[in-house]
């Protein structure tokens, strides 16, 4: 996989940039920013993606690590939705400490 990514640099850069933008929007975004700040943030992400692209070309598993992070974020989101659905249906058990 590393060889294929090294042989296709444009696709590699786009994948890294997409992962960075997804992680930023899923984890760090609280509210919409003004347009100029939004452009500046995306420009800085593009520069950071280029740095990570260079590391990926030097045979570090950047894309694979970001994929693991995204999978873990999706698992967390799935668990949050499951807990919310369970709580909505009233099937949540309340644990009490009996002092034992």
PDB file of N, CA and C in Angstrom:
ATOM      1  N   UNK A   1       0.826  -1.193   0.000  1.00  0.00           N
ATOM      2  CA  UNK A   1       0.000   0.000   0.000  1.00  0.00           C
ATOM      3  C   UNK A   1       0.872   1.258   0.000  1.00  0.00           C
ATOM      4  N   UNK A   2       1.967   1.210   0.758  1.00  0.00           N
ATOM      5  CA  UNK A   2       2.869   2.361   0.803  1.00  0.00           C
ATOM      6  C   UNK A   2       3.423   2.678  -0.579  1.00  0.00           C
ATOM      7  N   UNK A   3       3.761   1.643  -1.336  1.00  0.00           N
ATOM      8  CA  UNK A   3       4.300   1.877  -2.683  1.00  0.00           C
ATOM      9  C   UNK A   3       3.258   2.514  -3.584  1.00  0.00           C
ATOM     10  N   UNK A   4       2.015   2.034  -3.496  1.00  0.00           N
ATOM     11  CA  UNK A   4       0.959   2.598  -4.332  1.00  0.00           C
ATOM     12  C   UNK A   4       0.726   4.064  -3.982  1.00  0.00           C
ATOM     13  N   UNK A   5       0.700   4.381  -2.699  1.00  0.00           N
ATOM     14  CA  UNK A   5       0.515   5.771  -2.276  1.00  0.00           C
ATOM     15  C   UNK A   5       1.685   6.645  -2.707  1.00  0.00           C
ATOM     16  N   UNK A   6       2.889   6.095  -2.682  1.00  0.00           N
ATOM     17  CA  UNK A   6       4.050   6.856  -3.139  1.00  0.00           C
ATOM     18  C   UNK A   6       4.013   7.093  -4.637  1.00  0.00           C
ATOM     19  N   UNK A   7       3.432   6.160  -5.381  1.00  0.00           N
ATOM     20  CA  UNK A   7       3.349   6.298  -6.836  1.00  0.00           C
ATOM     21  C   UNK A   7       2.212   7.204  -7.289  1.00  0.00           C
ATOM     22  N   UNK A   8       1.286   7.526  -6.411  1.00  0.00           N
ATOM     23  CA  UNK A   8       0.143   8.387  -6.725  1.00  0.00           C
ATOM     24  C   UNK A   8       0.104   9.553  -5.740  1.00  0.00           C
ATOM     25  N   UNK A   9       0.976  10.535  -5.918  1.00  0.00           N
ATOM     26  CA  UNK A   9       1.102  11.605  -4.915  1.00  0.00           C
ATOM     27  C   UNK A   9      -0.119  12.515  -4.808  1.00  0.00           C
ATOM     28  N   UNK A  10      -0.806  12.771  -5.907  1.00  0.00           N
ATOM     29  CA  UNK A  10      -1.976  13.666  -5.841  1.00  0.00           C
ATOM     30  C   UNK A  10      -3.087  13.018  -5.027  1.00  0.00           C
ATOM     31  N   UNK A  11      -3.332  11.742  -5.282  1.00  0.00           N
ATOM     32  CA  UNK A  11      -4.369  11.028  -4.538  1.00  0.00           C
ATOM     33  C   UNK A  11      -3.996  10.956  -3.062  1.00  0.00           C
ATOM     34  N   UNK A  12      -2.723  10.717  -2.781  1.00  0.00           N
ATOM     35  CA  UNK A  12      -2.249  10.656  -1.403  1.00  0.00           C
ATOM     36  C   UNK A  12      -2.485  11.977  -0.685  1.00  0.00           C
ATOM     37  N   UNK A  13      -2.149  13.089  -1.342  1.00  0.00           N
ATOM     38  CA  UNK A  13      -2.346  14.407  -0.730  1.00  0.00           C
ATOM     39  C   UNK A  13      -3.827  14.679  -0.478  1.00  0.00           C
ATOM     40  N   UNK A  14      -4.670  14.332  -1.432  1.00  0.00           N
ATOM     41  CA  UNK A  14      -6.115  14.570  -1.279  1.00  0.00           C
ATOM     42  C   UNK A  14      -6.675  13.730  -0.131  1.00  0.00           C
ATOM     43  N   UNK A  15      -6.228  12.491  -0.007  1.00  0.00           N
ATOM     44  CA  UNK A  15      -6.694  11.634   1.093  1.00  0.00           C
ATOM     45  C   UNK A  15      -6.280  12.226   2.440  1.00  0.00           C
ATOM     46  N   UNK A  16      -5.029  12.664   2.533  1.00  0.00           N
ATOM     47  CA  UNK A  16      -4.545  13.257   3.783  1.00  0.00           C
ATOM     48  C   UNK A  16      -5.332  14.517   4.109  1.00  0.00           C
ATOM     49  N   UNK A  17      -5.546  15.375   3.120  1.00  0.00           N
ATOM     50  CA  UNK A  17      -6.295  16.614   3.348  1.00  0.00           C
ATOM     51  C   UNK A  17      -7.733  16.324   3.767  1.00  0.00           C
ATOM     52  N   UNK A  18      -8.366  15.351   3.128  1.00  0.00           N
ATOM     53  CA  UNK A  18      -9.741  14.991   3.492  1.00  0.00           C
ATOM     54  C   UNK A  18      -9.805  14.455   4.920  1.00  0.00           C
ATOM     55  N   UNK A  19      -8.836  13.641   5.304  1.00  0.00           N
ATOM     56  CA  UNK A  19      -8.806  13.111   6.673  1.00  0.00           C
ATOM     57  C   UNK A  19      -8.624  14.229   7.690  1.00  0.00           C
ATOM     58  N   UNK A  20      -7.730  15.154   7.389  1.00  0.00           N
ATOM     59  CA  UNK A  20      -7.500  16.277   8.302  1.00  0.00           C
ATOM     60  C   UNK A  20      -8.767  17.109   8.451  1.00  0.00           C
ATOM     61  N   UNK A  21      -9.439  17.393   7.348  1.00  0.00           N
ATOM     62  CA  UNK A  21     -10.653  18.212   7.416  1.00  0.00           C
ATOM     63  C   UNK A  21     -11.762  17.487   8.169  1.00  0.00           C
ATOM     64  N   UNK A  22     -11.892  16.176   7.955  1.00  0.00           N
ATOM     65  CA  UNK A  22     -12.915  15.423   8.679  1.00  0.00           C
ATOM     66  C   UNK A  22     -12.633  15.425  10.181  1.00  0.00           C
ATOM     67  N   UNK A  23     -11.379  15.157  10.544  1.00  0.00           N
ATOM     68  CA  UNK A  23     -11.024  15.125  11.961  1.00  0.00           C
ATOM     69  C   UNK A  23     -11.240  16.494  12.593  1.00  0.00           C
ATOM     70  N   UNK A  24     -10.864  17.556  11.889  1.00  0.00           N
ATOM     71  CA  UNK A  24     -11.067  18.901  12.426  1.00  0.00           C
ATOM     72  C   UNK A  24     -12.551  19.185  12.640  1.00  0.00           C
ATOM     73  N   UNK A  25     -13.362  18.877  11.643  1.00  0.00           N
ATOM     74  CA  UNK A  25     -14.795  19.164  11.759  1.00  0.00           C
ATOM     75  C   UNK A  25     -15.479  18.290  12.805  1.00  0.00           C
ATOM     76  N   UNK A  26     -15.037  17.063  12.950  1.00  0.00           N
ATOM     77  CA  UNK A  26     -15.679  16.164  13.903  1.00  0.00           C
ATOM     78  C   UNK A  26     -15.249  16.421  15.345  1.00  0.00           C
ATOM     79  N   UNK A  27     -14.027  16.873  15.538  1.00  0.00           N
ATOM     80  CA  UNK A  27     -13.500  16.981  16.897  1.00  0.00           C
ATOM     81  C   UNK A  27     -13.429  18.419  17.389  1.00  0.00           C
ATOM     82  N   UNK A  28     -12.916  19.316  16.582  1.00  0.00           N
ATOM     83  CA  UNK A  28     -12.569  20.643  17.074  1.00  0.00           C
ATOM     84  C   UNK A  28     -13.583  21.735  16.744  1.00  0.00           C
ATOM     85  N   UNK A  29     -14.469  21.508  15.794  1.00  0.00           N
ATOM     86  CA  UNK A  29     -15.394  22.567  15.400  1.00  0.00           C
ATOM     87  C   UNK A  29     -16.506  22.703  16.427  1.00  0.00           C
ATOM     88  N   UNK A  30     -16.651  23.910  16.957  1.00  0.00           N
ATOM     89  CA  UNK A  30     -17.711  24.197  17.905  1.00  0.00           C
ATOM     90  C   UNK A  30     -18.815  24.982  17.212  1.00  0.00           C
ATOM     91  N   UNK A  31     -18.428  25.963  16.430  1.00  0.00           N
ATOM     92  CA  UNK A  31     -19.390  26.786  15.693  1.00  0.00           C
ATOM     93  C   UNK A  31     -18.750  27.241  14.399  1.00  0.00           C
ATOM     94  N   UNK A  32     -19.550  27.795  13.518  1.00  0.00           N
ATOM     95  CA  UNK A  32     -19.022  28.313  12.254  1.00  0.00           C
ATOM     96  C   UNK A  32     -18.178  29.546  12.523  1.00  0.00           C
ATOM     97  N   UNK A  33     -17.075  29.649  11.789  1.00  0.00           N
ATOM     98  CA  UNK A  33     -16.199  30.802  11.895  1.00  0.00           C
ATOM     99  C   UNK A  33     -16.567  31.823  10.831  1.00  0.00           C
ATOM    100  N   UNK A  34     -16.168  33.076  11.020  1.00  0.00           N
ATOM    101  CA  UNK A  34     -16.325  34.051   9.939  1.00  0.00           C
ATOM    102  C   UNK A  34     -15.555  33.583   8.701  1.00  0.00           C
ATOM    103  N   UNK A  35     -15.962  34.055   7.539  1.00  0.00           N
ATOM    104  CA  UNK A  35     -15.437  33.553   6.268  1.00  0.00           C
ATOM    105  C   UNK A  35     -13.917  33.663   6.175  1.00  0.00           C
ATOM    106  N   UNK A  36     -13.340  34.795   6.545  1.00  0.00           N
ATOM    107  CA  UNK A  36     -11.896  34.976   6.444  1.00  0.00           C
ATOM    108  C   UNK A  36     -11.145  34.005   7.359  1.00  0.00           C
ATOM    109  N   UNK A  37     -11.641  33.814   8.570  1.00  0.00           N
ATOM    110  CA  UNK A  37     -11.009  32.866   9.482  1.00  0.00           C
ATOM    111  C   UNK A  37     -11.162  31.437   8.967  1.00  0.00           C
ATOM    112  N   UNK A  38     -12.305  31.143   8.387  1.00  0.00           N
ATOM    113  CA  UNK A  38     -12.542  29.816   7.816  1.00  0.00           C
ATOM    114  C   UNK A  38     -11.546  29.527   6.694  1.00  0.00           C
ATOM    115  N   UNK A  39     -11.328  30.506   5.832  1.00  0.00           N
ATOM    116  CA  UNK A  39     -10.356  30.356   4.744  1.00  0.00           C
ATOM    117  C   UNK A  39      -8.954  30.173   5.312  1.00  0.00           C
ATOM    118  N   UNK A  40      -8.608  30.942   6.318  1.00  0.00           N
ATOM    119  CA  UNK A  40      -7.292  30.848   6.940  1.00  0.00           C
ATOM    120  C   UNK A  40      -7.078  29.479   7.583  1.00  0.00           C
ATOM    121  N   UNK A  41      -8.075  28.967   8.271  1.00  0.00           N
ATOM    122  CA  UNK A  41      -7.973  27.654   8.906  1.00  0.00           C
ATOM    123  C   UNK A  41      -7.771  26.569   7.847  1.00  0.00           C
ATOM    124  N   UNK A  42      -8.533  26.626   6.758  1.00  0.00           N
ATOM    125  CA  UNK A  42      -8.392  25.623   5.707  1.00  0.00           C
ATOM    126  C   UNK A  42      -7.046  25.750   4.992  1.00  0.00           C
ATOM    127  N   UNK A  43      -6.536  26.947   4.846  1.00  0.00           N
ATOM    128  CA  UNK A  43      -5.222  27.147   4.240  1.00  0.00           C
ATOM    129  C   UNK A  43      -4.130  26.534   5.127  1.00  0.00           C
ATOM    130  N   UNK A  44      -4.229  26.745   6.429  1.00  0.00           N
ATOM    131  CA  UNK A  44      -3.264  26.152   7.357  1.00  0.00           C
ATOM    132  C   UNK A  44      -3.379  24.629   7.346  1.00  0.00           C
ATOM    133  N   UNK A  45      -4.602  24.095   7.234  1.00  0.00           N
ATOM    134  CA  UNK A  45      -4.768  22.646   7.133  1.00  0.00           C
ATOM    135  C   UNK A  45      -4.138  22.119   5.852  1.00  0.00           C
ATOM    136  N   UNK A  46      -4.234  22.865   4.761  1.00  0.00           N
ATOM    137  CA  UNK A  46      -3.623  22.443   3.497  1.00  0.00           C
ATOM    138  C   UNK A  46      -2.101  22.412   3.615  1.00  0.00           C
ATOM    139  N   UNK A  47      -1.531  23.386   4.317  1.00  0.00           N
ATOM    140  CA  UNK A  47      -0.080  23.399   4.534  1.00  0.00           C
ATOM    141  C   UNK A  47       0.328  22.231   5.426  1.00  0.00           C
ATOM    142  N   UNK A  48      -0.428  21.984   6.476  1.00  0.00           N
ATOM    143  CA  UNK A  48      -0.153  20.840   7.349  1.00  0.00           C
ATOM    144  C   UNK A  48      -0.297  19.517   6.623  1.00  0.00           C
ATOM    145  N   UNK A  49      -1.268  19.440   5.721  1.00  0.00           N
ATOM    146  CA  UNK A  49      -1.437  18.225   4.933  1.00  0.00           C
ATOM    147  C   UNK A  49      -0.228  17.992   4.035  1.00  0.00           C
ATOM    148  N   UNK A  50       0.377  19.074   3.543  1.00  0.00           N
ATOM    149  CA  UNK A  50       1.567  18.933   2.722  1.00  0.00           C
ATOM    150  C   UNK A  50       2.731  18.381   3.547  1.00  0.00           C
ATOM    151  N   UNK A  51       2.868  18.849   4.780  1.00  0.00           N
ATOM    152  CA  UNK A  51       3.924  18.332   5.660  1.00  0.00           C
ATOM    153  C   UNK A  51       3.693  16.838   5.922  1.00  0.00           C
ATOM    154  N   UNK A  52       2.454  16.460   6.225  1.00  0.00           N
ATOM    155  CA  UNK A  52       2.150  15.045   6.442  1.00  0.00           C
ATOM    156  C   UNK A  52       2.324  14.232   5.164  1.00  0.00           C
ATOM    157  N   UNK A  53       2.048  14.855   4.013  1.00  0.00           N
ATOM    158  CA  UNK A  53       2.259  14.193   2.718  1.00  0.00           C
ATOM    159  C   UNK A  53       3.742  13.862   2.533  1.00  0.00           C
ATOM    160  N   UNK A  54       4.619  14.797   2.879  1.00  0.00           N
ATOM    161  CA  UNK A  54       6.058  14.550   2.774  1.00  0.00           C
ATOM    162  C   UNK A  54       6.460  13.376   3.673  1.00  0.00           C
ATOM    163  N   UNK A  55       5.915  13.344   4.885  1.00  0.00           N
ATOM    164  CA  UNK A  55       6.216  12.230   5.789  1.00  0.00           C
ATOM    165  C   UNK A  55       5.667  10.915   5.254  1.00  0.00           C
ATOM    166  N   UNK A  56       4.500  10.948   4.611  1.00  0.00           N
ATOM    167  CA  UNK A  56       3.919   9.740   4.015  1.00  0.00           C
ATOM    168  C   UNK A  56       4.799   9.233   2.874  1.00  0.00           C
ATOM    169  N   UNK A  57       5.305  10.128   2.064  1.00  0.00           N
ATOM    170  CA  UNK A  57       6.179   9.736   0.961  1.00  0.00           C
ATOM    171  C   UNK A  57       7.485   9.144   1.499  1.00  0.00           C
ATOM    172  N   UNK A  58       7.929   9.617   2.675  1.00  0.00           N
ATOM    173  CA  UNK A  58       9.138   9.072   3.310  1.00  0.00           C
ATOM    174  C   UNK A  58       8.861   7.778   4.060  1.00  0.00           C
ATOM    175  N   UNK A  59       7.765   7.118   3.736  1.00  0.00           N
ATOM    176  CA  UNK A  59       7.416   5.785   4.230  1.00  0.00           C
ATOM    177  C   UNK A  59       6.904   5.729   5.668  1.00  0.00           C
ATOM    178  N   UNK A  60       6.386   6.831   6.195  1.00  0.00           N
ATOM    179  CA  UNK A  60       5.702   6.774   7.482  1.00  0.00           C
ATOM    180  C   UNK A  60       4.213   6.511   7.232  1.00  0.00           C
ATOM    181  N   UNK A  61       3.544   5.729   8.054  1.00  0.00           N
ATOM    182  CA  UNK A  61       2.140   5.358   7.800  1.00  0.00           C
ATOM    183  C   UNK A  61       1.146   6.434   8.269  1.00  0.00           C
ATOM    184  N   UNK A  62       1.194   7.599   7.666  1.00  0.00           N
ATOM    185  CA  UNK A  62       0.336   8.712   8.073  1.00  0.00           C
ATOM    186  C   UNK A  62      -1.131   8.398   7.767  1.00  0.00           C
ATOM    187  N   UNK A  63      -1.409   7.962   6.560  1.00  0.00           N
ATOM    188  CA  UNK A  63      -2.801   7.688   6.166  1.00  0.00           C
ATOM    189  C   UNK A  63      -3.373   6.549   7.001  1.00  0.00           C
ATOM    190  N   UNK A  64      -2.592   5.535   7.256  1.00  0.00           N
ATOM    191  CA  UNK A  64      -3.082   4.421   8.051  1.00  0.00           C
ATOM    192  C   UNK A  64      -3.394   4.867   9.482  1.00  0.00           C
ATOM    193  N   UNK A  65      -2.559   5.713  10.042  1.00  0.00           N
ATOM    194  CA  UNK A  65      -2.812   6.215  11.406  1.00  0.00           C
ATOM    195  C   UNK A  65      -4.060   7.083  11.445  1.00  0.00           C
ATOM    196  N   UNK A  66      -4.246   7.920  10.434  1.00  0.00           N
ATOM    197  CA  UNK A  66      -5.458   8.744  10.391  1.00  0.00           C
ATOM    198  C   UNK A  66      -6.692   7.873  10.192  1.00  0.00           C
ATOM    199  N   UNK A  67      -6.565   6.795   9.424  1.00  0.00           N
ATOM    200  CA  UNK A  67      -7.697   5.889   9.236  1.00  0.00           C
ATOM    201  C   UNK A  67      -8.094   5.245  10.559  1.00  0.00           C
ATOM    202  N   UNK A  68      -7.115   4.854  11.367  1.00  0.00           N
ATOM    203  CA  UNK A  68      -7.409   4.281  12.679  1.00  0.00           C
ATOM    204  C   UNK A  68      -8.102   5.312  13.559  1.00  0.00           C
ATOM    205  N   UNK A  69      -7.623   6.555  13.524  1.00  0.00           N
ATOM    206  CA  UNK A  69      -8.255   7.618  14.324  1.00  0.00           C
ATOM    207  C   UNK A  69      -9.701   7.836  13.892  1.00  0.00           C
ATOM    208  N   UNK A  70      -9.956   7.834  12.605  1.00  0.00           N
ATOM    209  CA  UNK A  70     -11.320   8.038  12.099  1.00  0.00           C
ATOM    210  C   UNK A  70     -12.212   6.865  12.475  1.00  0.00           C
ATOM    211  N   UNK A  71     -11.696   5.650  12.393  1.00  0.00           N
ATOM    212  CA  UNK A  71     -12.488   4.478  12.788  1.00  0.00           C
ATOM    213  C   UNK A  71     -12.838   4.556  14.269  1.00  0.00           C
ATOM    214  N   UNK A  72     -11.885   4.964  15.101  1.00  0.00           N
ATOM    215  CA  UNK A  72     -12.170   5.097  16.532  1.00  0.00           C
ATOM    216  C   UNK A  72     -13.199   6.196  16.793  1.00  0.00           C
ATOM    217  N   UNK A  73     -13.132   7.293  16.036  1.00  0.00           N
ATOM    218  CA  UNK A  73     -14.128   8.359  16.183  1.00  0.00           C
ATOM    219  C   UNK A  73     -15.513   7.858  15.784  1.00  0.00           C
ATOM    220  N   UNK A  74     -15.585   7.050  14.727  1.00  0.00           N
ATOM    221  CA  UNK A  74     -16.874   6.500  14.303  1.00  0.00           C
ATOM    222  C   UNK A  74     -17.420   5.517  15.330  1.00  0.00           C
ATOM    223  N   UNK A  75     -16.541   4.733  15.948  1.00  0.00           N
ATOM    224  CA  UNK A  75     -16.987   3.822  17.006  1.00  0.00           C
ATOM    225  C   UNK A  75     -17.538   4.593  18.197  1.00  0.00           C
ATOM    226  N   UNK A  76     -16.870   5.674  18.565  1.00  0.00           N
ATOM    227  CA  UNK A  76     -17.358   6.516  19.655  1.00  0.00           C
ATOM    228  C   UNK A  76     -18.713   7.114  19.309  1.00  0.00           C
ATOM    229  N   UNK A  77     -18.851   7.610  18.094  1.00  0.00           N
ATOM    230  CA  UNK A  77     -20.122   8.202  17.664  1.00  0.00           C
ATOM    231  C   UNK A  77     -21.230   7.158  17.661  1.00  0.00           C
ATOM    232  N   UNK A  78     -20.910   5.952  17.211  1.00  0.00           N
ATOM    233  CA  UNK A  78     -21.889   4.863  17.235  1.00  0.00           C
ATOM    234  C   UNK A  78     -22.309   4.523  18.653  1.00  0.00           C
ATOM    235  N   UNK A  79     -21.359   4.504  19.558  1.00  0.00           N
ATOM    236  CA  UNK A  79     -21.678   4.217  20.953  1.00  0.00           C
ATOM    237  C   UNK A  79     -22.547   5.324  21.555  1.00  0.00           C
ATOM    238  N   UNK A  80     -22.247   6.584  21.220  1.00  0.00           N
ATOM    239  CA  UNK A  80     -23.056   7.693  21.717  1.00  0.00           C
ATOM    240  C   UNK A  80     -24.481   7.596  21.192  1.00  0.00           C
ATOM    241  N   UNK A  81     -24.641   7.253  19.918  1.00  0.00           N
ATOM    242  CA  UNK A  81     -25.986   7.109  19.353  1.00  0.00           C
ATOM    243  C   UNK A  81     -26.724   5.936  19.993  1.00  0.00           C
ATOM    244  N   UNK A  82     -26.007   4.839  20.247  1.00  0.00           N
ATOM    245  CA  UNK A  82     -26.614   3.684  20.895  1.00  0.00           C
ATOM    246  C   UNK A  82     -27.092   4.034  22.301  1.00  0.00           C
ATOM    247  N   UNK A  83     -26.243   4.724  23.067  1.00  0.00           N
ATOM    248  CA  UNK A  83     -26.635   5.122  24.420  1.00  0.00           C
ATOM    249  C   UNK A  83     -27.821   6.081  24.404  1.00  0.00           C
ATOM    250  N   UNK A  84     -27.820   6.993  23.447  1.00  0.00           N
ATOM    251  CA  UNK A  84     -28.928   7.945  23.332  1.00  0.00           C
ATOM    252  C   UNK A  84     -30.224   7.222  22.983  1.00  0.00           C
ATOM    253  N   UNK A  85     -30.163   6.271  22.071  1.00  0.00           N
ATOM    254  CA  UNK A  85     -31.343   5.506  21.689  1.00  0.00           C
ATOM    255  C   UNK A  85     -31.836   4.655  22.853  1.00  0.00           C
ATOM    256  N   UNK A  86     -30.908   4.051  23.552  1.00  0.00           N
ATOM    257  CA  UNK A  86     -31.271   3.216  24.696  1.00  0.00           C
ATOM    258  C   UNK A  86     -31.921   4.054  25.795  1.00  0.00           C
ATOM    259  N   UNK A  87     -31.378   5.231  26.037  1.00  0.00           N
ATOM    260  CA  UNK A  87     -31.930   6.120  27.060  1.00  0.00           C
ATOM    261  C   UNK A  87     -33.323   6.611  26.646  1.00  0.00           C
ATOM    262  N   UNK A  88     -33.496   6.853  25.353  1.00  0.00           N
ATOM    263  CA  UNK A  88     -34.781   7.338  24.838  1.00  0.00           C
ATOM    264  C   UNK A  88     -35.867   6.281  25.009  1.00  0.00           C
ATOM    265  N   UNK A  89     -35.504   5.016  24.827  1.00  0.00           N
ATOM    266  CA  UNK A  89     -36.482   3.942  24.956  1.00  0.00           C
ATOM    267  C   UNK A  89     -36.733   3.546  26.406  1.00  0.00           C
ATOM    268  N   UNK A  90     -36.012   4.133  27.356  1.00  0.00           N
ATOM    269  CA  UNK A  90     -36.245   3.874  28.765  1.00  0.00           C
ATOM    270  C   UNK A  90     -35.689   2.560  29.250  1.00  0.00           C
ATOM    271  N   UNK A  91     -34.743   1.985  28.531  1.00  0.00           N
ATOM    272  CA  UNK A  91     -34.180   0.703  28.926  1.00  0.00           C
ATOM    273  C   UNK A  91     -32.858   0.871  29.664  1.00  0.00           C
ATOM    274  N   UNK A  92     -32.585   2.044  30.110  1.00  0.00           N
ATOM    275  CA  UNK A  92     -31.347   2.316  30.838  1.00  0.00           C
ATOM    276  C   UNK A  92     -31.486   1.830  32.266  1.00  0.00           C
ATOM    277  N   UNK A  93     -30.507   1.087  32.711  1.00  0.00           N
ATOM    278  CA  UNK A  93     -30.525   0.591  34.081  1.00  0.00           C
ATOM    279  C   UNK A  93     -29.764   1.569  34.955  1.00  0.00           C
ATOM    280  N   UNK A  94     -30.330   1.844  36.124  1.00  0.00           N
ATOM    281  CA  UNK A  94     -29.680   2.736  37.071  1.00  0.00           C
ATOM    282  C   UNK A  94     -28.976   1.882  38.090  1.00  0.00           C
ATOM    283  N   UNK A  95     -27.662   2.032  38.204  1.00  0.00           N
ATOM    284  CA  UNK A  95     -26.897   1.261  39.172  1.00  0.00           C
ATOM    285  C   UNK A  95     -26.788   2.084  40.447  1.00  0.00           C
ATOM    286  N   UNK A  96     -27.010   1.411  41.572  1.00  0.00           N
ATOM    287  CA  UNK A  96     -26.892   2.080  42.866  1.00  0.00           C
ATOM    288  C   UNK A  96     -25.777   1.418  43.646  1.00  0.00           C
ATOM    289  N   UNK A  97     -25.101   2.204  44.432  1.00  0.00           N
ATOM    290  CA  UNK A  97     -24.041   1.696  45.276  1.00  0.00           C
ATOM    291  C   UNK A  97     -24.639   1.344  46.632  1.00  0.00           C
ATOM    292  N   UNK A  98     -24.618   0.068  46.960  1.00  0.00           N
ATOM    293  CA  UNK A  98     -25.225  -0.373  48.230  1.00  0.00           C
ATOM    294  C   UNK A  98     -24.233  -0.368  49.374  1.00  0.00           C
ATOM    295  N   UNK A  99     -23.025   0.115  49.119  1.00  0.00           N
ATOM    296  CA  UNK A  99     -22.041   0.233  50.179  1.00  0.00           C
ATOM    297  C   UNK A  99     -21.250  -1.031  50.427  1.00  0.00           C
ATOM    298  N   UNK A 100     -21.292  -1.989  49.548  1.00  0.00           N
ATOM    299  CA  UNK A 100     -20.564  -3.243  49.736  1.00  0.00           C
ATOM    300  C   UNK A 100     -19.267  -3.223  48.995  1.00  0.00           C
TER     301      UNK A 100
END
